[in-house]
PDB file of N, CA and C in Angstrom:
ATOM      1  N   UNK A   1     199.155-212.983  38.287  1.00  0.00           N
ATOM      2  CA  UNK A   1     199.172-211.707  38.613  1.00  0.00           C
ATOM      3  C   UNK A   1     199.643-211.277  40.190  1.00  0.00           C
ATOM      4  N   UNK A   2     200.312-210.180  40.276  1.00  0.00           N
ATOM      5  CA  UNK A   2     200.608-209.767  41.498  1.00  0.00           C
ATOM      6  C   UNK A   2     199.257-208.808  41.852  1.00  0.00           C
ATOM      7  N   UNK A   3     199.017-209.305  43.399  1.00  0.00           N
ATOM      8  CA  UNK A   3     197.919-208.478  44.141  1.00  0.00           C
ATOM      9  C   UNK A   3     198.453-207.751  45.139  1.00  0.00           C
ATOM     10  N   UNK A   4     197.825-206.476  45.590  1.00  0.00           N
ATOM     11  CA  UNK A   4     197.725-205.774  46.490  1.00  0.00           C
ATOM     12  C   UNK A   4     197.962-206.234  48.067  1.00  0.00           C
ATOM     13  N   UNK A   5     197.412-207.463  48.101  1.00  0.00           N
ATOM     14  CA  UNK A   5     197.269-207.879  49.130  1.00  0.00           C
ATOM     15  C   UNK A   5     199.081-208.504  49.641  1.00  0.00           C
ATOM     16  N   UNK A   6     199.051-209.441  48.199  1.00  0.00           N
ATOM     17  CA  UNK A   6     200.635-209.959  48.113  1.00  0.00           C
ATOM     18  C   UNK A   6     201.626-209.312  48.715  1.00  0.00           C
ATOM     19  N   UNK A   7     201.712-208.007  47.879  1.00  0.00           N
ATOM     20  CA  UNK A   7     202.593-207.133  48.497  1.00  0.00           C
ATOM     21  C   UNK A   7     202.568-206.556  49.595  1.00  0.00           C
ATOM     22  N   UNK A   8     201.507-206.350  50.241  1.00  0.00           N
ATOM     23  CA  UNK A   8     200.826-205.901  51.519  1.00  0.00           C
ATOM     24  C   UNK A   8     201.756-206.779  52.455  1.00  0.00           C
ATOM     25  N   UNK A   9     201.486-207.977  52.519  1.00  0.00           N
ATOM     26  CA  UNK A   9     201.906-208.987  53.238  1.00  0.00           C
ATOM     27  C   UNK A   9     203.420-209.084  53.232  1.00  0.00           C
ATOM     28  N   UNK A  10     204.022-209.269  51.983  1.00  0.00           N
ATOM     29  CA  UNK A  10     205.539-208.958  51.670  1.00  0.00           C
ATOM     30  C   UNK A  10     205.812-208.043  52.873  1.00  0.00           C
ATOM     31  N   UNK A  11     205.614-206.477  52.530  1.00  0.00           N
ATOM     32  CA  UNK A  11     205.954-205.522  53.449  1.00  0.00           C
ATOM     33  C   UNK A  11     205.675-205.781  54.732  1.00  0.00           C
ATOM     34  N   UNK A  12     204.196-206.269  55.189  1.00  0.00           N
ATOM     35  CA  UNK A  12     204.321-206.601  56.925  1.00  0.00           C
ATOM     36  C   UNK A  12     205.139-207.642  57.416  1.00  0.00           C
ATOM     37  N   UNK A  13     205.736-208.720  56.560  1.00  0.00           N
ATOM     38  CA  UNK A  13     206.445-209.703  56.990  1.00  0.00           C
ATOM     39  C   UNK A  13     207.854-209.170  57.262  1.00  0.00           C
ATOM     40  N   UNK A  14     208.179-208.642  55.937  1.00  0.00           N
ATOM     41  CA  UNK A  14     209.787-207.679  56.152  1.00  0.00           C
ATOM     42  C   UNK A  14     210.049-206.705  57.072  1.00  0.00           C
ATOM     43  N   UNK A  15     209.091-205.921  57.115  1.00  0.00           N
ATOM     44  CA  UNK A  15     209.335-204.502  58.027  1.00  0.00           C
ATOM     45  C   UNK A  15     209.022-204.812  59.694  1.00  0.00           C
ATOM     46  N   UNK A  16     209.880-204.161  60.453  1.00  0.00           N
ATOM     47  CA  UNK A  16     209.534-204.095  61.778  1.00  0.00           C
ATOM     48  C   UNK A  16     208.344-203.743  62.287  1.00  0.00           C
ATOM     49  N   UNK A  17     207.378-204.132  63.005  1.00  0.00           N
ATOM     50  CA  UNK A  17     206.175-204.004  63.376  1.00  0.00           C
ATOM     51  C   UNK A  17     206.332-202.743  64.064  1.00  0.00           C
ATOM     52  N   UNK A  18     204.973-202.008  64.053  1.00  0.00           N
ATOM     53  CA  UNK A  18     204.854-200.740  64.909  1.00  0.00           C
ATOM     54  C   UNK A  18     203.897-201.226  66.133  1.00  0.00           C
ATOM     55  N   UNK A  19     203.964-200.629  67.228  1.00  0.00           N
ATOM     56  CA  UNK A  19     202.788-200.665  68.147  1.00  0.00           C
ATOM     57  C   UNK A  19     202.721-199.587  68.830  1.00  0.00           C
ATOM     58  N   UNK A  20     201.901-199.835  69.721  1.00  0.00           N
ATOM     59  CA  UNK A  20     201.405-198.693  70.882  1.00  0.00           C
ATOM     60  C   UNK A  20     202.149-198.525  72.099  1.00  0.00           C
ATOM     61  N   UNK A  21     202.161-197.595  73.056  1.00  0.00           N
ATOM     62  CA  UNK A  21     202.615-197.626  74.153  1.00  0.00           C
ATOM     63  C   UNK A  21     202.304-198.897  75.318  1.00  0.00           C
ATOM     64  N   UNK A  22     201.208-199.231  74.721  1.00  0.00           N
ATOM     65  CA  UNK A  22     200.357-200.471  75.460  1.00  0.00           C
ATOM     66  C   UNK A  22     200.870-201.831  74.812  1.00  0.00           C
ATOM     67  N   UNK A  23     201.607-201.886  73.940  1.00  0.00           N
ATOM     68  CA  UNK A  23     201.960-203.145  73.206  1.00  0.00           C
ATOM     69  C   UNK A  23     201.085-203.635  72.225  1.00  0.00           C
ATOM     70  N   UNK A  24     200.066-203.012  71.658  1.00  0.00           N
ATOM     71  CA  UNK A  24     199.245-203.178  70.508  1.00  0.00           C
ATOM     72  C   UNK A  24     199.762-202.943  69.445  1.00  0.00           C
ATOM     73  N   UNK A  25     199.954-204.187  68.603  1.00  0.00           N
ATOM     74  CA  UNK A  25     200.391-203.742  67.229  1.00  0.00           C
ATOM     75  C   UNK A  25     199.747-203.335  66.169  1.00  0.00           C
ATOM     76  N   UNK A  26     200.289-202.087  65.462  1.00  0.00           N
ATOM     77  CA  UNK A  26     199.570-201.707  64.334  1.00  0.00           C
ATOM     78  C   UNK A  26     199.878-202.103  63.288  1.00  0.00           C
ATOM     79  N   UNK A  27     198.893-203.086  62.376  1.00  0.00           N
ATOM     80  CA  UNK A  27     199.382-203.191  61.198  1.00  0.00           C
ATOM     81  C   UNK A  27     199.421-202.317  60.050  1.00  0.00           C
ATOM     82  N   UNK A  28     200.449-202.447  59.203  1.00  0.00           N
ATOM     83  CA  UNK A  28     200.780-201.583  58.374  1.00  0.00           C
ATOM     84  C   UNK A  28     199.560-201.708  56.959  1.00  0.00           C
ATOM     85  N   UNK A  29     198.972-200.422  56.464  1.00  0.00           N
ATOM     86  CA  UNK A  29     197.793-200.795  55.571  1.00  0.00           C
ATOM     87  C   UNK A  29     198.742-200.456  54.207  1.00  0.00           C
ATOM     88  N   UNK A  30     197.650-200.424  53.174  1.00  0.00           N
ATOM     89  CA  UNK A  30     197.972-200.277  51.673  1.00  0.00           C
ATOM     90  C   UNK A  30     198.546-198.676  51.715  1.00  0.00           C
ATOM     91  N   UNK A  31     197.906-197.935  51.791  1.00  0.00           N
ATOM     92  CA  UNK A  31     197.620-196.292  51.764  1.00  0.00           C
ATOM     93  C   UNK A  31     198.687-195.616  52.888  1.00  0.00           C
ATOM     94  N   UNK A  32     199.250-196.491  54.071  1.00  0.00           N
ATOM     95  CA  UNK A  32     200.175-195.833  55.059  1.00  0.00           C
ATOM     96  C   UNK A  32     201.312-194.988  54.404  1.00  0.00           C
ATOM     97  N   UNK A  33     201.949-193.899  54.716  1.00  0.00           N
ATOM     98  CA  UNK A  33     202.741-193.452  54.281  1.00  0.00           C
ATOM     99  C   UNK A  33     204.178-194.492  55.179  1.00  0.00           C
ATOM    100  N   UNK A  34     205.274-195.314  54.225  1.00  0.00           N
ATOM    101  CA  UNK A  34     206.091-195.940  54.946  1.00  0.00           C
ATOM    102  C   UNK A  34     206.866-195.291  55.613  1.00  0.00           C
ATOM    103  N   UNK A  35     207.193-193.725  55.313  1.00  0.00           N
ATOM    104  CA  UNK A  35     208.089-193.127  56.008  1.00  0.00           C
ATOM    105  C   UNK A  35     207.724-192.942  57.664  1.00  0.00           C
ATOM    106  N   UNK A  36     206.439-192.829  57.747  1.00  0.00           N
ATOM    107  CA  UNK A  36     205.927-192.907  59.009  1.00  0.00           C
ATOM    108  C   UNK A  36     206.069-193.999  59.777  1.00  0.00           C
ATOM    109  N   UNK A  37     205.795-195.125  59.065  1.00  0.00           N
ATOM    110  CA  UNK A  37     205.592-196.551  59.588  1.00  0.00           C
ATOM    111  C   UNK A  37     207.306-196.935  60.238  1.00  0.00           C
ATOM    112  N   UNK A  38     208.149-196.741  59.451  1.00  0.00           N
ATOM    113  CA  UNK A  38     209.329-197.133  59.648  1.00  0.00           C
ATOM    114  C   UNK A  38     210.747-196.332  59.673  1.00  0.00           C
ATOM    115  N   UNK A  39     211.736-196.895  60.164  1.00  0.00           N
ATOM    116  CA  UNK A  39     212.991-195.861  59.658  1.00  0.00           C
ATOM    117  C   UNK A  39     213.450-196.363  58.515  1.00  0.00           C
ATOM    118  N   UNK A  40     214.213-195.619  57.615  1.00  0.00           N
ATOM    119  CA  UNK A  40     214.672-195.468  56.449  1.00  0.00           C
ATOM    120  C   UNK A  40     215.664-196.470  56.053  1.00  0.00           C
ATOM    121  N   UNK A  41     216.510-197.079  56.978  1.00  0.00           N
ATOM    122  CA  UNK A  41     217.202-198.075  56.853  1.00  0.00           C
ATOM    123  C   UNK A  41     216.450-199.268  56.609  1.00  0.00           C
ATOM    124  N   UNK A  42     215.550-199.650  57.466  1.00  0.00           N
ATOM    125  CA  UNK A  42     214.859-200.708  57.427  1.00  0.00           C
ATOM    126  C   UNK A  42     213.688-200.971  56.212  1.00  0.00           C
ATOM    127  N   UNK A  43     213.572-199.776  55.579  1.00  0.00           N
ATOM    128  CA  UNK A  43     212.743-199.728  54.547  1.00  0.00           C
ATOM    129  C   UNK A  43     213.394-199.800  53.354  1.00  0.00           C
ATOM    130  N   UNK A  44     214.654-199.122  53.072  1.00  0.00           N
ATOM    131  CA  UNK A  44     215.589-199.634  52.072  1.00  0.00           C
ATOM    132  C   UNK A  44     215.858-201.034  51.830  1.00  0.00           C
ATOM    133  N   UNK A  45     215.965-201.624  53.026  1.00  0.00           N
ATOM    134  CA  UNK A  45     216.567-203.017  52.740  1.00  0.00           C
ATOM    135  C   UNK A  45     215.278-203.826  52.285  1.00  0.00           C
ATOM    136  N   UNK A  46     214.073-203.578  52.858  1.00  0.00           N
ATOM    137  CA  UNK A  46     212.865-204.095  52.294  1.00  0.00           C
ATOM    138  C   UNK A  46     212.794-203.987  50.878  1.00  0.00           C
ATOM    139  N   UNK A  47     212.761-202.640  50.481  1.00  0.00           N
ATOM    140  CA  UNK A  47     212.720-202.264  48.982  1.00  0.00           C
ATOM    141  C   UNK A  47     213.991-202.983  48.087  1.00  0.00           C
ATOM    142  N   UNK A  48     214.898-203.339  48.476  1.00  0.00           N
ATOM    143  CA  UNK A  48     216.124-203.888  47.694  1.00  0.00           C
ATOM    144  C   UNK A  48     215.413-205.631  47.579  1.00  0.00           C
ATOM    145  N   UNK A  49     214.722-206.123  48.636  1.00  0.00           N
ATOM    146  CA  UNK A  49     214.296-207.533  48.637  1.00  0.00           C
ATOM    147  C   UNK A  49     212.980-207.206  47.757  1.00  0.00           C
ATOM    148  N   UNK A  50     212.282-206.432  47.651  1.00  0.00           N
ATOM    149  CA  UNK A  50     211.069-206.017  46.775  1.00  0.00           C
ATOM    150  C   UNK A  50     211.441-206.024  45.516  1.00  0.00           C
ATOM    151  N   UNK A  51     212.645-205.681  45.174  1.00  0.00           N
ATOM    152  CA  UNK A  51     213.150-205.371  43.800  1.00  0.00           C
ATOM    153  C   UNK A  51     213.483-206.657  43.178  1.00  0.00           C
ATOM    154  N   UNK A  52     214.212-207.613  43.958  1.00  0.00           N
ATOM    155  CA  UNK A  52     214.692-208.960  43.591  1.00  0.00           C
ATOM    156  C   UNK A  52     213.285-209.681  43.277  1.00  0.00           C
ATOM    157  N   UNK A  53     212.420-209.884  44.389  1.00  0.00           N
ATOM    158  CA  UNK A  53     211.271-210.639  44.462  1.00  0.00           C
ATOM    159  C   UNK A  53     210.132-210.511  43.110  1.00  0.00           C
ATOM    160  N   UNK A  54     209.969-209.129  42.963  1.00  0.00           N
ATOM    161  CA  UNK A  54     209.072-208.678  41.976  1.00  0.00           C
ATOM    162  C   UNK A  54     209.737-208.265  40.788  1.00  0.00           C
ATOM    163  N   UNK A  55     211.251-208.091  40.387  1.00  0.00           N
ATOM    164  CA  UNK A  55     212.056-207.723  39.287  1.00  0.00           C
ATOM    165  C   UNK A  55     211.673-206.472  38.671  1.00  0.00           C
ATOM    166  N   UNK A  56     211.597-205.484  39.959  1.00  0.00           N
ATOM    167  CA  UNK A  56     211.206-204.001  39.510  1.00  0.00           C
ATOM    168  C   UNK A  56     212.588-203.271  39.714  1.00  0.00           C
ATOM    169  N   UNK A  57     212.923-202.354  38.928  1.00  0.00           N
ATOM    170  CA  UNK A  57     214.017-201.479  38.969  1.00  0.00           C
ATOM    171  C   UNK A  57     213.681-200.430  39.755  1.00  0.00           C
ATOM    172  N   UNK A  58     214.416-200.596  40.922  1.00  0.00           N
ATOM    173  CA  UNK A  58     214.220-199.466  42.067  1.00  0.00           C
ATOM    174  C   UNK A  58     215.104-198.504  42.097  1.00  0.00           C
ATOM    175  N   UNK A  59     215.976-198.655  41.344  1.00  0.00           N
ATOM    176  CA  UNK A  59     217.198-197.551  41.275  1.00  0.00           C
ATOM    177  C   UNK A  59     216.477-196.215  40.775  1.00  0.00           C
ATOM    178  N   UNK A  60     215.503-196.288  39.840  1.00  0.00           N
ATOM    179  CA  UNK A  60     215.139-195.139  39.365  1.00  0.00           C
ATOM    180  C   UNK A  60     214.036-194.151  40.429  1.00  0.00           C
ATOM    181  N   UNK A  61     213.959-195.104  41.829  1.00  0.00           N
ATOM    182  CA  UNK A  61     213.232-194.155  42.685  1.00  0.00           C
ATOM    183  C   UNK A  61     214.041-192.858  43.150  1.00  0.00           C
ATOM    184  N   UNK A  62     213.401-191.753  43.230  1.00  0.00           N
ATOM    185  CA  UNK A  62     214.206-190.687  43.574  1.00  0.00           C
ATOM    186  C   UNK A  62     213.721-190.287  44.967  1.00  0.00           C
ATOM    187  N   UNK A  63     214.329-190.659  46.023  1.00  0.00           N
ATOM    188  CA  UNK A  63     214.157-190.494  47.347  1.00  0.00           C
ATOM    189  C   UNK A  63     213.929-189.070  47.937  1.00  0.00           C
ATOM    190  N   UNK A  64     214.330-188.400  47.050  1.00  0.00           N
ATOM    191  CA  UNK A  64     214.162-186.781  47.626  1.00  0.00           C
ATOM    192  C   UNK A  64     212.926-186.512  47.322  1.00  0.00           C
ATOM    193  N   UNK A  65     212.090-187.183  46.846  1.00  0.00           N
ATOM    194  CA  UNK A  65     210.591-186.820  46.459  1.00  0.00           C
ATOM    195  C   UNK A  65     210.066-187.196  47.579  1.00  0.00           C
ATOM    196  N   UNK A  66     210.222-188.226  48.638  1.00  0.00           N
ATOM    197  CA  UNK A  66     209.827-188.835  49.546  1.00  0.00           C
ATOM    198  C   UNK A  66     210.436-188.680  51.316  1.00  0.00           C
ATOM    199  N   UNK A  67     211.696-187.876  50.661  1.00  0.00           N
ATOM    200  CA  UNK A  67     212.070-187.487  52.399  1.00  0.00           C
ATOM    201  C   UNK A  67     212.791-186.005  51.915  1.00  0.00           C
ATOM    202  N   UNK A  68     212.845-185.241  53.125  1.00  0.00           N
ATOM    203  CA  UNK A  68     212.780-185.810  54.368  1.00  0.00           C
ATOM    204  C   UNK A  68     210.880-185.673  54.574  1.00  0.00           C
ATOM    205  N   UNK A  69     210.964-186.472  55.631  1.00  0.00           N
ATOM    206  CA  UNK A  69     209.758-186.771  56.085  1.00  0.00           C
ATOM    207  C   UNK A  69     209.520-186.642  57.782  1.00  0.00           C
ATOM    208  N   UNK A  70     208.407-185.475  58.093  1.00  0.00           N
ATOM    209  CA  UNK A  70     208.335-185.168  59.596  1.00  0.00           C
ATOM    210  C   UNK A  70     207.791-186.189  60.148  1.00  0.00           C
ATOM    211  N   UNK A  71     208.429-186.933  61.050  1.00  0.00           N
ATOM    212  CA  UNK A  71     207.694-187.771  62.419  1.00  0.00           C
ATOM    213  C   UNK A  71     206.949-186.982  63.200  1.00  0.00           C
ATOM    214  N   UNK A  72     205.791-187.190  63.370  1.00  0.00           N
ATOM    215  CA  UNK A  72     205.125-186.654  64.767  1.00  0.00           C
ATOM    216  C   UNK A  72     205.698-186.859  66.056  1.00  0.00           C
ATOM    217  N   UNK A  73     206.019-185.747  66.744  1.00  0.00           N
ATOM    218  CA  UNK A  73     206.359-186.210  68.037  1.00  0.00           C
ATOM    219  C   UNK A  73     205.334-186.933  68.775  1.00  0.00           C
ATOM    220  N   UNK A  74     205.694-187.694  69.862  1.00  0.00           N
ATOM    221  CA  UNK A  74     204.610-188.238  70.686  1.00  0.00           C
ATOM    222  C   UNK A  74     203.872-187.492  71.424  1.00  0.00           C
ATOM    223  N   UNK A  75     204.188-186.202  72.021  1.00  0.00           N
ATOM    224  CA  UNK A  75     203.369-185.478  72.834  1.00  0.00           C
ATOM    225  C   UNK A  75     202.822-184.372  72.265  1.00  0.00           C
ATOM    226  N   UNK A  76     202.843-184.103  70.850  1.00  0.00           N
ATOM    227  CA  UNK A  76     202.587-183.263  70.069  1.00  0.00           C
ATOM    228  C   UNK A  76     201.347-182.954  70.271  1.00  0.00           C
ATOM    229  N   UNK A  77     200.317-183.675  70.231  1.00  0.00           N
ATOM    230  CA  UNK A  77     198.905-183.721  70.301  1.00  0.00           C
ATOM    231  C   UNK A  77     198.505-182.824  71.735  1.00  0.00           C
ATOM    232  N   UNK A  78     199.113-182.948  72.355  1.00  0.00           N
ATOM    233  CA  UNK A  78     198.928-182.455  73.746  1.00  0.00           C
ATOM    234  C   UNK A  78     199.115-180.734  73.784  1.00  0.00           C
ATOM    235  N   UNK A  79     200.006-180.307  72.999  1.00  0.00           N
ATOM    236  CA  UNK A  79     200.306-179.079  72.652  1.00  0.00           C
ATOM    237  C   UNK A  79     199.733-178.475  71.343  1.00  0.00           C
ATOM    238  N   UNK A  80     199.286-178.712  70.325  1.00  0.00           N
ATOM    239  CA  UNK A  80     198.810-178.449  69.155  1.00  0.00           C
ATOM    240  C   UNK A  80     197.694-179.644  68.590  1.00  0.00           C
ATOM    241  N   UNK A  81     196.896-179.096  67.727  1.00  0.00           N
ATOM    242  CA  UNK A  81     196.072-179.884  67.077  1.00  0.00           C
ATOM    243  C   UNK A  81     195.992-179.898  65.573  1.00  0.00           C
ATOM    244  N   UNK A  82     197.324-178.588  65.396  1.00  0.00           N
ATOM    245  CA  UNK A  82     197.480-178.301  63.951  1.00  0.00           C
ATOM    246  C   UNK A  82     198.253-179.389  63.206  1.00  0.00           C
ATOM    247  N   UNK A  83     197.857-179.877  61.922  1.00  0.00           N
ATOM    248  CA  UNK A  83     198.365-181.156  61.513  1.00  0.00           C
ATOM    249  C   UNK A  83     199.823-180.803  61.086  1.00  0.00           C
ATOM    250  N   UNK A  84     200.643-181.624  60.905  1.00  0.00           N
ATOM    251  CA  UNK A  84     202.426-181.581  60.289  1.00  0.00           C
ATOM    252  C   UNK A  84     202.105-181.249  58.715  1.00  0.00           C
ATOM    253  N   UNK A  85     202.832-180.251  58.291  1.00  0.00           N
ATOM    254  CA  UNK A  85     202.783-179.875  56.960  1.00  0.00           C
ATOM    255  C   UNK A  85     203.952-180.898  56.380  1.00  0.00           C
ATOM    256  N   UNK A  86     203.855-181.751  55.654  1.00  0.00           N
ATOM    257  CA  UNK A  86     204.819-182.437  54.903  1.00  0.00           C
ATOM    258  C   UNK A  86     205.040-181.927  53.768  1.00  0.00           C
ATOM    259  N   UNK A  87     206.710-181.890  53.509  1.00  0.00           N
ATOM    260  CA  UNK A  87     206.948-181.257  52.001  1.00  0.00           C
ATOM    261  C   UNK A  87     207.473-182.524  50.995  1.00  0.00           C
ATOM    262  N   UNK A  88     207.285-183.598  51.549  1.00  0.00           N
ATOM    263  CA  UNK A  88     207.846-184.721  50.735  1.00  0.00           C
ATOM    264  C   UNK A  88     206.330-185.760  50.417  1.00  0.00           C
ATOM    265  N   UNK A  89     206.266-186.336  49.444  1.00  0.00           N
ATOM    266  CA  UNK A  89     205.167-187.161  49.152  1.00  0.00           C
ATOM    267  C   UNK A  89     204.945-188.595  49.684  1.00  0.00           C
ATOM    268  N   UNK A  90     204.046-188.934  50.316  1.00  0.00           N
ATOM    269  CA  UNK A  90     204.163-190.110  50.949  1.00  0.00           C
ATOM    270  C   UNK A  90     204.179-191.390  50.053  1.00  0.00           C
ATOM    271  N   UNK A  91     205.091-192.443  50.463  1.00  0.00           N
ATOM    272  CA  UNK A  91     205.543-193.487  49.815  1.00  0.00           C
ATOM    273  C   UNK A  91     204.771-194.826  50.472  1.00  0.00           C
ATOM    274  N   UNK A  92     203.961-195.282  49.611  1.00  0.00           N
ATOM    275  CA  UNK A  92     203.079-196.136  49.902  1.00  0.00           C
ATOM    276  C   UNK A  92     203.219-197.781  49.643  1.00  0.00           C
ATOM    277  N   UNK A  93     202.405-198.774  50.301  1.00  0.00           N
ATOM    278  CA  UNK A  93     202.768-200.017  49.676  1.00  0.00           C
ATOM    279  C   UNK A  93     201.975-200.101  48.253  1.00  0.00           C
ATOM    280  N   UNK A  94     200.780-199.273  48.305  1.00  0.00           N
ATOM    281  CA  UNK A  94     199.943-199.569  47.317  1.00  0.00           C
ATOM    282  C   UNK A  94     200.890-199.016  45.900  1.00  0.00           C
ATOM    283  N   UNK A  95     201.518-198.017  46.090  1.00  0.00           N
ATOM    284  CA  UNK A  95     202.732-197.760  44.842  1.00  0.00           C
ATOM    285  C   UNK A  95     203.615-199.033  44.673  1.00  0.00           C
ATOM    286  N   UNK A  96     204.068-199.609  45.505  1.00  0.00           N
ATOM    287  CA  UNK A  96     204.959-200.912  45.157  1.00  0.00           C
ATOM    288  C   UNK A  96     204.110-202.105  44.602  1.00  0.00           C
ATOM    289  N   UNK A  97     202.691-202.173  44.892  1.00  0.00           N
ATOM    290  CA  UNK A  97     202.022-203.028  44.322  1.00  0.00           C
ATOM    291  C   UNK A  97     201.450-202.768  42.712  1.00  0.00           C
ATOM    292  N   UNK A  98     201.503-201.602  42.625  1.00  0.00           N
ATOM    293  CA  UNK A  98     200.973-201.105  41.291  1.00  0.00           C
ATOM    294  C   UNK A  98     202.199-201.222  40.300  1.00  0.00           C
ATOM    295  N   UNK A  99     203.626-200.857  41.147  1.00  0.00           N
ATOM    296  CA  UNK A  99     204.575-201.157  40.191  1.00  0.00           C
ATOM    297  C   UNK A  99     204.988-202.749  40.007  1.00  0.00           C
ATOM    298  N   UNK A 100     204.894-203.355  40.852  1.00  0.00           N
ATOM    299  CA  UNK A 100     205.150-204.822  40.700  1.00  0.00           C
ATOM    300  C   UNK A 100     204.240-205.560  39.690  1.00  0.00           C
ATOM    301  N   UNK A 101     202.912-204.874  39.628  1.00  0.00           N
ATOM    302  CA  UNK A 101     202.077-205.244  38.561  1.00  0.00           C
ATOM    303  C   UNK A 101     202.604-205.044  36.954  1.00  0.00           C
ATOM    304  N   UNK A 102     203.254-203.887  36.833  1.00  0.00           N
ATOM    305  CA  UNK A 102     203.468-203.425  35.604  1.00  0.00           C
ATOM    306  C   UNK A 102     204.775-203.596  35.323  1.00  0.00           C
ATOM    307  N   UNK A 103     205.753-204.089  36.282  1.00  0.00           N
ATOM    308  CA  UNK A 103     207.031-204.483  36.097  1.00  0.00           C
ATOM    309  C   UNK A 103     208.309-203.567  36.159  1.00  0.00           C
ATOM    310  N   UNK A 104     208.112-202.389  36.444  1.00  0.00           N
ATOM    311  CA  UNK A 104     208.421-201.316  36.630  1.00  0.00           C
ATOM    312  C   UNK A 104     208.068-200.208  37.468  1.00  0.00           C
ATOM    313  N   UNK A 105     208.974-199.494  37.974  1.00  0.00           N
ATOM    314  CA  UNK A 105     208.404-198.295  39.006  1.00  0.00           C
ATOM    315  C   UNK A 105     207.837-197.238  38.421  1.00  0.00           C
ATOM    316  N   UNK A 106     206.430-196.930  38.589  1.00  0.00           N
ATOM    317  CA  UNK A 106     205.595-195.982  38.245  1.00  0.00           C
ATOM    318  C   UNK A 106     205.774-194.574  38.421  1.00  0.00           C
ATOM    319  N   UNK A 107     206.172-194.313  39.298  1.00  0.00           N
ATOM    320  CA  UNK A 107     206.459-193.169  40.020  1.00  0.00           C
ATOM    321  C   UNK A 107     207.591-192.393  39.790  1.00  0.00           C
ATOM    322  N   UNK A 108     208.557-192.890  39.065  1.00  0.00           N
ATOM    323  CA  UNK A 108     209.779-192.278  38.319  1.00  0.00           C
ATOM    324  C   UNK A 108     209.583-190.774  38.035  1.00  0.00           C
ATOM    325  N   UNK A 109     208.831-190.568  36.963  1.00  0.00           N
ATOM    326  CA  UNK A 109     209.119-189.455  36.152  1.00  0.00           C
ATOM    327  C   UNK A 109     207.850-188.212  37.021  1.00  0.00           C
ATOM    328  N   UNK A 110     207.152-188.752  38.140  1.00  0.00           N
ATOM    329  CA  UNK A 110     206.006-188.040  38.635  1.00  0.00           C
ATOM    330  C   UNK A 110     206.532-186.813  39.348  1.00  0.00           C
ATOM    331  N   UNK A 111     207.678-187.023  39.804  1.00  0.00           N
ATOM    332  CA  UNK A 111     208.347-186.083  40.832  1.00  0.00           C
ATOM    333  C   UNK A 111     209.782-185.610  40.238  1.00  0.00           C
ATOM    334  N   UNK A 112     209.979-185.532  39.161  1.00  0.00           N
ATOM    335  CA  UNK A 112     211.312-184.827  38.618  1.00  0.00           C
ATOM    336  C   UNK A 112     210.842-183.697  37.916  1.00  0.00           C
TER     337      UNK A 112
END
């Protein structure tokens, strides 16, 4: 059976790592929004590999439900404490883990 940690490790190994300005690596977590963690091009390639490895049809993913995603400007916290209002849903590793266990993308109908 596919576990959350197995899919998380797959994404951690395949996606470029995010770091701080001081060089500290920020590990990807199950509930992190993948759109905020990495560029779409890198994510798209990883999703394609995920599809092959876990035999999940990702052609049904409606990317318009997850994009556009507002990336927080680095200096924004110095100008406002108001959080960014996202118009898209977060795409998380947990969603991919649950879909891998079921053998199909579970979130296709939720956003149509």
